[in-house]
PDB file of N, CA and C in Angstrom:
ATOM      1  N   MET A   1      56.112 -40.366 -18.593  1.00  0.00           N
ATOM      2  CA  MET A   1      55.218 -40.927 -18.146  1.00  0.00           C
ATOM      3  C   MET A   1      53.794 -40.311 -19.083  1.00  0.00           C
ATOM      4  N   GLN A   2      53.244 -42.207 -18.603  1.00  0.00           N
ATOM      5  CA  GLN A   2      51.623 -42.807 -19.231  1.00  0.00           C
ATOM      6  C   GLN A   2      50.744 -42.791 -17.683  1.00  0.00           C
ATOM      7  N   TYR A   3      49.787 -42.413 -17.982  1.00  0.00           N
ATOM      8  CA  TYR A   3      48.277 -42.597 -16.952  1.00  0.00           C
ATOM      9  C   TYR A   3      47.562 -43.949 -17.778  1.00  0.00           C
ATOM     10  N   GLU A   4      46.972 -44.367 -16.999  1.00  0.00           N
ATOM     11  CA  GLU A   4      46.452 -45.825 -16.933  1.00  0.00           C
ATOM     12  C   GLU A   4      44.959 -45.722 -16.420  1.00  0.00           C
ATOM     13  N   VAL A   5      43.652 -45.781 -17.213  1.00  0.00           N
ATOM     14  CA  VAL A   5      42.817 -45.574 -15.980  1.00  0.00           C
ATOM     15  C   VAL A   5      42.277 -47.156 -16.056  1.00  0.00           C
ATOM     16  N   HIS A   6      41.689 -47.109 -14.932  1.00  0.00           N
ATOM     17  CA  HIS A   6      40.716 -48.324 -14.202  1.00  0.00           C
ATOM     18  C   HIS A   6      39.684 -47.990 -13.610  1.00  0.00           C
ATOM     19  N   TRP A   7      38.354 -49.180 -13.459  1.00  0.00           N
ATOM     20  CA  TRP A   7      37.330 -49.137 -13.519  1.00  0.00           C
ATOM     21  C   TRP A   7      37.254 -50.097 -12.777  1.00  0.00           C
ATOM     22  N   GLU A   8      36.871 -50.277 -11.295  1.00  0.00           N
ATOM     23  CA  GLU A   8      36.658 -51.261 -10.014  1.00  0.00           C
ATOM     24  C   GLU A   8      34.856 -50.934  -9.415  1.00  0.00           C
ATOM     25  N   HIS A   9      34.336 -52.185  -9.813  1.00  0.00           N
ATOM     26  CA  HIS A   9      33.151 -52.337  -8.943  1.00  0.00           C
ATOM     27  C   HIS A   9      33.097 -53.383  -7.776  1.00  0.00           C
ATOM     28  N   THR A  10      33.639 -52.705  -6.523  1.00  0.00           N
ATOM     29  CA  THR A  10      34.064 -53.636  -5.340  1.00  0.00           C
ATOM     30  C   THR A  10      33.075 -54.334  -5.119  1.00  0.00           C
ATOM     31  N   GLN A  11      31.241 -54.433  -5.229  1.00  0.00           N
ATOM     32  CA  GLN A  11      30.741 -55.492  -4.586  1.00  0.00           C
ATOM     33  C   GLN A  11      31.061 -56.508  -5.580  1.00  0.00           C
ATOM     34  N   THR A  12      30.870 -56.561  -7.234  1.00  0.00           N
ATOM     35  CA  THR A  12      30.966 -57.746  -7.640  1.00  0.00           C
ATOM     36  C   THR A  12      32.191 -57.962  -8.352  1.00  0.00           C
ATOM     37  N   LYS A  13      33.360 -57.214  -7.917  1.00  0.00           N
ATOM     38  CA  LYS A  13      34.395 -57.328  -8.238  1.00  0.00           C
ATOM     39  C   LYS A  13      34.683 -57.448  -9.463  1.00  0.00           C
ATOM     40  N   GLU A  14      34.095 -56.933 -10.516  1.00  0.00           N
ATOM     41  CA  GLU A  14      33.881 -56.453 -11.968  1.00  0.00           C
ATOM     42  C   GLU A  14      35.429 -55.532 -11.961  1.00  0.00           C
ATOM     43  N   TYR A  15      36.348 -55.492 -12.688  1.00  0.00           N
ATOM     44  CA  TYR A  15      37.497 -54.779 -12.619  1.00  0.00           C
ATOM     45  C   TYR A  15      37.594 -54.870 -14.584  1.00  0.00           C
ATOM     46  N   ASN A  16      37.727 -53.530 -15.094  1.00  0.00           N
ATOM     47  CA  ASN A  16      38.203 -52.991 -16.095  1.00  0.00           C
ATOM     48  C   ASN A  16      39.142 -52.451 -16.516  1.00  0.00           C
ATOM     49  N   THR A  17      39.836 -52.036 -17.660  1.00  0.00           N
ATOM     50  CA  THR A  17      41.007 -51.030 -18.075  1.00  0.00           C
ATOM     51  C   THR A  17      40.303 -50.416 -19.036  1.00  0.00           C
ATOM     52  N   HIS A  18      40.268 -49.154 -18.904  1.00  0.00           N
ATOM     53  CA  HIS A  18      39.831 -48.428 -20.171  1.00  0.00           C
ATOM     54  C   HIS A  18      40.972 -47.762 -21.395  1.00  0.00           C
ATOM     55  N   GLY A  19      42.173 -47.390 -20.498  1.00  0.00           N
ATOM     56  CA  GLY A  19      43.184 -47.415 -21.493  1.00  0.00           C
ATOM     57  C   GLY A  19      44.374 -46.500 -21.040  1.00  0.00           C
ATOM     58  N   LYS A  20      45.262 -46.141 -21.841  1.00  0.00           N
ATOM     59  CA  LYS A  20      46.212 -45.390 -21.361  1.00  0.00           C
ATOM     60  C   LYS A  20      46.351 -43.643 -22.055  1.00  0.00           C
ATOM     61  N   TYR A  21      47.245 -42.806 -21.365  1.00  0.00           N
ATOM     62  CA  TYR A  21      46.910 -41.457 -22.097  1.00  0.00           C
ATOM     63  C   TYR A  21      48.327 -40.928 -21.352  1.00  0.00           C
ATOM     64  N   ALA A  22      48.821 -40.202 -22.452  1.00  0.00           N
ATOM     65  CA  ALA A  22      49.799 -39.414 -21.972  1.00  0.00           C
ATOM     66  C   ALA A  22      49.749 -37.891 -20.932  1.00  0.00           C
ATOM     67  N   THR A  23      48.643 -37.881 -20.576  1.00  0.00           N
ATOM     68  CA  THR A  23      49.084 -37.129 -19.582  1.00  0.00           C
ATOM     69  C   THR A  23      47.712 -36.958 -18.285  1.00  0.00           C
ATOM     70  N   PHE A  24      47.620 -36.579 -17.104  1.00  0.00           N
ATOM     71  CA  PHE A  24      46.995 -36.590 -16.290  1.00  0.00           C
ATOM     72  C   PHE A  24      45.229 -36.239 -16.653  1.00  0.00           C
ATOM     73  N   GLU A  25      45.507 -35.543 -16.839  1.00  0.00           N
ATOM     74  CA  GLU A  25      44.504 -34.638 -17.454  1.00  0.00           C
ATOM     75  C   GLU A  25      43.796 -35.300 -18.407  1.00  0.00           C
ATOM     76  N   GLU A  26      44.315 -35.712 -19.696  1.00  0.00           N
ATOM     77  CA  GLU A  26      43.678 -37.036 -20.119  1.00  0.00           C
ATOM     78  C   GLU A  26      42.624 -38.124 -20.018  1.00  0.00           C
ATOM     79  N   ALA A  27      43.733 -38.064 -19.214  1.00  0.00           N
ATOM     80  CA  ALA A  27      43.104 -39.356 -18.305  1.00  0.00           C
ATOM     81  C   ALA A  27      41.788 -39.427 -17.686  1.00  0.00           C
ATOM     82  N   LEU A  28      41.945 -38.310 -16.995  1.00  0.00           N
ATOM     83  CA  LEU A  28      40.433 -37.600 -16.366  1.00  0.00           C
ATOM     84  C   LEU A  28      39.554 -37.222 -17.196  1.00  0.00           C
ATOM     85  N   GLN A  29      40.030 -36.793 -17.883  1.00  0.00           N
ATOM     86  CA  GLN A  29      39.189 -36.106 -19.147  1.00  0.00           C
ATOM     87  C   GLN A  29      38.435 -37.804 -20.011  1.00  0.00           C
ATOM     88  N   SER A  30      39.259 -38.690 -20.218  1.00  0.00           N
ATOM     89  CA  SER A  30      38.741 -39.598 -20.416  1.00  0.00           C
ATOM     90  C   SER A  30      37.408 -40.533 -19.914  1.00  0.00           C
ATOM     91  N   ILE A  31      37.453 -40.381 -18.142  1.00  0.00           N
ATOM     92  CA  ILE A  31      36.316 -40.208 -17.468  1.00  0.00           C
ATOM     93  C   ILE A  31      34.969 -39.708 -17.974  1.00  0.00           C
ATOM     94  N   CYS A  32      35.568 -38.636 -17.720  1.00  0.00           N
ATOM     95  CA  CYS A  32      34.241 -37.569 -18.190  1.00  0.00           C
ATOM     96  C   CYS A  32      33.727 -37.695 -19.846  1.00  0.00           C
ATOM     97  N   ASP A  33      34.292 -38.431 -20.508  1.00  0.00           N
ATOM     98  CA  ASP A  33      34.099 -38.451 -21.931  1.00  0.00           C
ATOM     99  C   ASP A  33      32.966 -39.529 -22.026  1.00  0.00           C
ATOM    100  N   TRP A  34      33.582 -40.962 -21.381  1.00  0.00           N
ATOM    101  CA  TRP A  34      32.841 -41.879 -21.459  1.00  0.00           C
ATOM    102  C   TRP A  34      31.322 -41.434 -20.344  1.00  0.00           C
ATOM    103  N   TRP A  35      31.618 -40.568 -18.924  1.00  0.00           N
ATOM    104  CA  TRP A  35      29.678 -40.283 -18.755  1.00  0.00           C
ATOM    105  C   TRP A  35      29.372 -39.759 -19.863  1.00  0.00           C
ATOM    106  N   GLU A  36      29.765 -38.708 -20.485  1.00  0.00           N
ATOM    107  CA  GLU A  36      29.085 -37.845 -21.527  1.00  0.00           C
ATOM    108  C   GLU A  36      28.519 -39.210 -22.968  1.00  0.00           C
ATOM    109  N   LEU A  37      29.492 -39.994 -23.010  1.00  0.00           N
ATOM    110  CA  LEU A  37      28.692 -40.438 -24.142  1.00  0.00           C
ATOM    111  C   LEU A  37      27.723 -41.292 -24.043  1.00  0.00           C
ATOM    112  N   ASN A  38      27.691 -41.959 -22.306  1.00  0.00           N
ATOM    113  CA  ASN A  38      26.740 -42.625 -21.811  1.00  0.00           C
ATOM    114  C   ASN A  38      25.558 -41.887 -20.856  1.00  0.00           C
ATOM    115  N   LYS A  39      25.752 -41.069 -21.445  1.00  0.00           N
ATOM    116  CA  LYS A  39      24.227 -39.855 -20.653  1.00  0.00           C
ATOM    117  C   LYS A  39      24.523 -40.380 -19.439  1.00  0.00           C
ATOM    118  N   TYR A  40      25.173 -39.877 -18.826  1.00  0.00           N
ATOM    119  CA  TYR A  40      25.526 -39.999 -17.072  1.00  0.00           C
ATOM    120  C   TYR A  40      26.114 -38.643 -16.566  1.00  0.00           C
ATOM    121  N   LYS A  41      25.438 -38.404 -15.413  1.00  0.00           N
ATOM    122  CA  LYS A  41      25.947 -37.129 -14.865  1.00  0.00           C
ATOM    123  C   LYS A  41      26.181 -37.308 -13.121  1.00  0.00           C
ATOM    124  N   PRO A  42      27.090 -37.391 -12.937  1.00  0.00           N
ATOM    125  CA  PRO A  42      27.759 -38.024 -11.666  1.00  0.00           C
ATOM    126  C   PRO A  42      26.705 -36.551 -10.751  1.00  0.00           C
ATOM    127  N   HIS A  43      26.719 -37.354  -9.624  1.00  0.00           N
ATOM    128  CA  HIS A  43      26.445 -36.102  -8.514  1.00  0.00           C
ATOM    129  C   HIS A  43      27.405 -35.276  -7.905  1.00  0.00           C
ATOM    130  N   TYR A  44      28.310 -35.867  -7.413  1.00  0.00           N
ATOM    131  CA  TYR A  44      29.673 -35.093  -7.177  1.00  0.00           C
ATOM    132  C   TYR A  44      30.920 -36.119  -7.613  1.00  0.00           C
ATOM    133  N   VAL A  45      32.101 -35.260  -7.991  1.00  0.00           N
ATOM    134  CA  VAL A  45      33.268 -35.812  -8.235  1.00  0.00           C
ATOM    135  C   VAL A  45      34.693 -35.564  -7.535  1.00  0.00           C
ATOM    136  N   ARG A  46      34.670 -36.311  -6.478  1.00  0.00           N
ATOM    137  CA  ARG A  46      36.096 -36.034  -5.888  1.00  0.00           C
ATOM    138  C   ARG A  46      37.382 -37.077  -6.342  1.00  0.00           C
ATOM    139  N   TYR A  47      38.492 -36.667  -6.105  1.00  0.00           N
ATOM    140  CA  TYR A  47      39.944 -37.960  -6.199  1.00  0.00           C
ATOM    141  C   TYR A  47      41.078 -36.996  -5.225  1.00  0.00           C
ATOM    142  N   TRP A  48      41.441 -37.858  -5.144  1.00  0.00           N
ATOM    143  CA  TRP A  48      43.059 -38.106  -4.112  1.00  0.00           C
ATOM    144  C   TRP A  48      43.712 -38.718  -5.004  1.00  0.00           C
ATOM    145  N   THR A  49      45.065 -38.405  -4.613  1.00  0.00           N
ATOM    146  CA  THR A  49      46.231 -39.582  -5.125  1.00  0.00           C
ATOM    147  C   THR A  49      47.306 -39.789  -4.098  1.00  0.00           C
ATOM    148  N   ARG A  50      46.940 -41.290  -3.728  1.00  0.00           N
ATOM    149  CA  ARG A  50      48.283 -42.036  -2.802  1.00  0.00           C
ATOM    150  C   ARG A  50      49.684 -42.788  -3.734  1.00  0.00           C
ATOM    151  N   LYS A  51      50.365 -42.456  -3.506  1.00  0.00           N
ATOM    152  CA  LYS A  51      51.968 -42.993  -4.017  1.00  0.00           C
ATOM    153  C   LYS A  51      51.342 -42.787  -6.089  1.00  0.00           C
ATOM    154  N   ALA A  52      51.351 -43.762  -6.665  1.00  0.00           N
ATOM    155  CA  ALA A  52      51.202 -43.467  -7.937  1.00  0.00           C
ATOM    156  C   ALA A  52      49.778 -43.957  -8.369  1.00  0.00           C
ATOM    157  N   ARG A  53      48.507 -44.222  -7.734  1.00  0.00           N
ATOM    158  CA  ARG A  53      47.372 -43.621  -8.151  1.00  0.00           C
ATOM    159  C   ARG A  53      46.235 -43.158  -7.644  1.00  0.00           C
ATOM    160  N   THR A  54      45.661 -42.266  -8.540  1.00  0.00           N
ATOM    161  CA  THR A  54      44.450 -41.531  -8.035  1.00  0.00           C
ATOM    162  C   THR A  54      43.063 -42.145  -8.102  1.00  0.00           C
ATOM    163  N   ILE A  55      42.788 -41.913  -7.088  1.00  0.00           N
ATOM    164  CA  ILE A  55      41.054 -43.009  -6.883  1.00  0.00           C
ATOM    165  C   ILE A  55      39.967 -41.730  -7.116  1.00  0.00           C
ATOM    166  N   VAL A  56      39.043 -41.989  -7.889  1.00  0.00           N
ATOM    167  CA  VAL A  56      37.942 -41.247  -8.216  1.00  0.00           C
ATOM    168  C   VAL A  56      37.163 -41.714  -8.114  1.00  0.00           C
ATOM    169  N   ASP A  57      36.409 -40.914  -6.946  1.00  0.00           N
ATOM    170  CA  ASP A  57      35.123 -41.257  -6.483  1.00  0.00           C
ATOM    171  C   ASP A  57      33.946 -40.292  -7.133  1.00  0.00           C
ATOM    172  N   TYR A  58      32.727 -41.213  -7.645  1.00  0.00           N
ATOM    173  CA  TYR A  58      31.541 -40.595  -8.163  1.00  0.00           C
ATOM    174  C   TYR A  58      30.427 -40.651  -7.767  1.00  0.00           C
ATOM    175  N   GLY A  59      30.567 -41.282  -6.545  1.00  0.00           N
ATOM    176  CA  GLY A  59      28.859 -40.737  -5.481  1.00  0.00           C
ATOM    177  C   GLY A  59      28.391 -42.497  -5.949  1.00  0.00           C
ATOM    178  N   SER A  60      29.107 -43.661  -6.506  1.00  0.00           N
ATOM    179  CA  SER A  60      28.095 -44.811  -6.350  1.00  0.00           C
ATOM    180  C   SER A  60      28.838 -45.640  -5.036  1.00  0.00           C
ATOM    181  N   HIS A  61      29.682 -45.180  -4.105  1.00  0.00           N
ATOM    182  CA  HIS A  61      29.620 -46.263  -2.885  1.00  0.00           C
ATOM    183  C   HIS A  61      30.537 -47.141  -3.166  1.00  0.00           C
ATOM    184  N   HIS A  62      30.226 -47.821  -4.230  1.00  0.00           N
ATOM    185  CA  HIS A  62      31.276 -49.147  -4.650  1.00  0.00           C
ATOM    186  C   HIS A  62      31.402 -49.178  -5.957  1.00  0.00           C
ATOM    187  N   MET A  63      31.705 -48.155  -6.805  1.00  0.00           N
ATOM    188  CA  MET A  63      32.155 -48.331  -7.803  1.00  0.00           C
ATOM    189  C   MET A  63      33.214 -47.071  -7.923  1.00  0.00           C
ATOM    190  N   PHE A  64      34.336 -47.294  -8.658  1.00  0.00           N
ATOM    191  CA  PHE A  64      35.864 -46.117  -8.390  1.00  0.00           C
ATOM    192  C   PHE A  64      36.504 -46.312  -9.837  1.00  0.00           C
ATOM    193  N   TYR A  65      37.360 -44.900  -9.911  1.00  0.00           N
ATOM    194  CA  TYR A  65      38.050 -45.128 -11.085  1.00  0.00           C
ATOM    195  C   TYR A  65      39.367 -45.248 -10.194  1.00  0.00           C
ATOM    196  N   TYR A  66      40.482 -45.816 -11.325  1.00  0.00           N
ATOM    197  CA  TYR A  66      41.719 -45.709 -10.728  1.00  0.00           C
ATOM    198  C   TYR A  66      42.787 -45.052 -11.596  1.00  0.00           C
ATOM    199  N   ILE A  67      43.343 -43.965 -11.596  1.00  0.00           N
ATOM    200  CA  ILE A  67      44.274 -43.508 -12.854  1.00  0.00           C
ATOM    201  C   ILE A  67      46.036 -44.033 -11.873  1.00  0.00           C
ATOM    202  N   TYR A  68      46.523 -44.662 -12.770  1.00  0.00           N
ATOM    203  CA  TYR A  68      47.813 -44.865 -12.018  1.00  0.00           C
ATOM    204  C   TYR A  68      48.803 -44.325 -12.982  1.00  0.00           C
ATOM    205  N   ALA A  69      49.657 -43.441 -12.387  1.00  0.00           N
ATOM    206  CA  ALA A  69      50.691 -43.211 -13.576  1.00  0.00           C
ATOM    207  C   ALA A  69      51.823 -44.049 -13.486  1.00  0.00           C
ATOM    208  N   ILE A  70      51.729 -44.654 -14.774  1.00  0.00           N
ATOM    209  CA  ILE A  70      53.451 -45.309 -14.819  1.00  0.00           C
ATOM    210  C   ILE A  70      54.045 -45.386 -15.924  1.00  0.00           C
ATOM    211  N   GLY A  71      55.479 -45.805 -15.643  1.00  0.00           N
ATOM    212  CA  GLY A  71      56.363 -45.489 -16.614  1.00  0.00           C
ATOM    213  C   GLY A  71      57.643 -44.322 -16.003  1.00  0.00           C
ATOM    214  N   GLY A  72      58.059 -44.208 -16.505  1.00  0.00           N
ATOM    215  CA  GLY A  72      59.098 -43.240 -15.809  1.00  0.00           C
ATOM    216  C   GLY A  72      59.886 -41.711 -17.059  1.00  0.00           C
ATOM    217  N   ALA A  73      60.486 -41.238 -16.777  1.00  0.00           N
ATOM    218  CA  ALA A  73      60.875 -40.305 -18.212  1.00  0.00           C
ATOM    219  C   ALA A  73      61.696 -40.999 -18.592  1.00  0.00           C
ATOM    220  N   LYS A  74      61.001 -40.677 -20.085  1.00  0.00           N
ATOM    221  CA  LYS A  74      62.194 -40.749 -21.317  1.00  0.00           C
ATOM    222  C   LYS A  74      63.529 -40.876 -21.170  1.00  0.00           C
TER     223      LYS A  74
END
């Protein structure tokens, strides 16, 4: 299984794919790494999973990250 990170701005409909990762932890860390690289510190981070998609809410009200579980066992 792999994990793919996406970002969406729900007001402007901007949508980006950030990359694929071998584990969920690596996918989540990639988001934190991007924040650090861009000197961004969210006030809070919470996430929940529904089906094969984890929604990452970081306090912006209109912008979210999504981590999709893709593929299956080899």
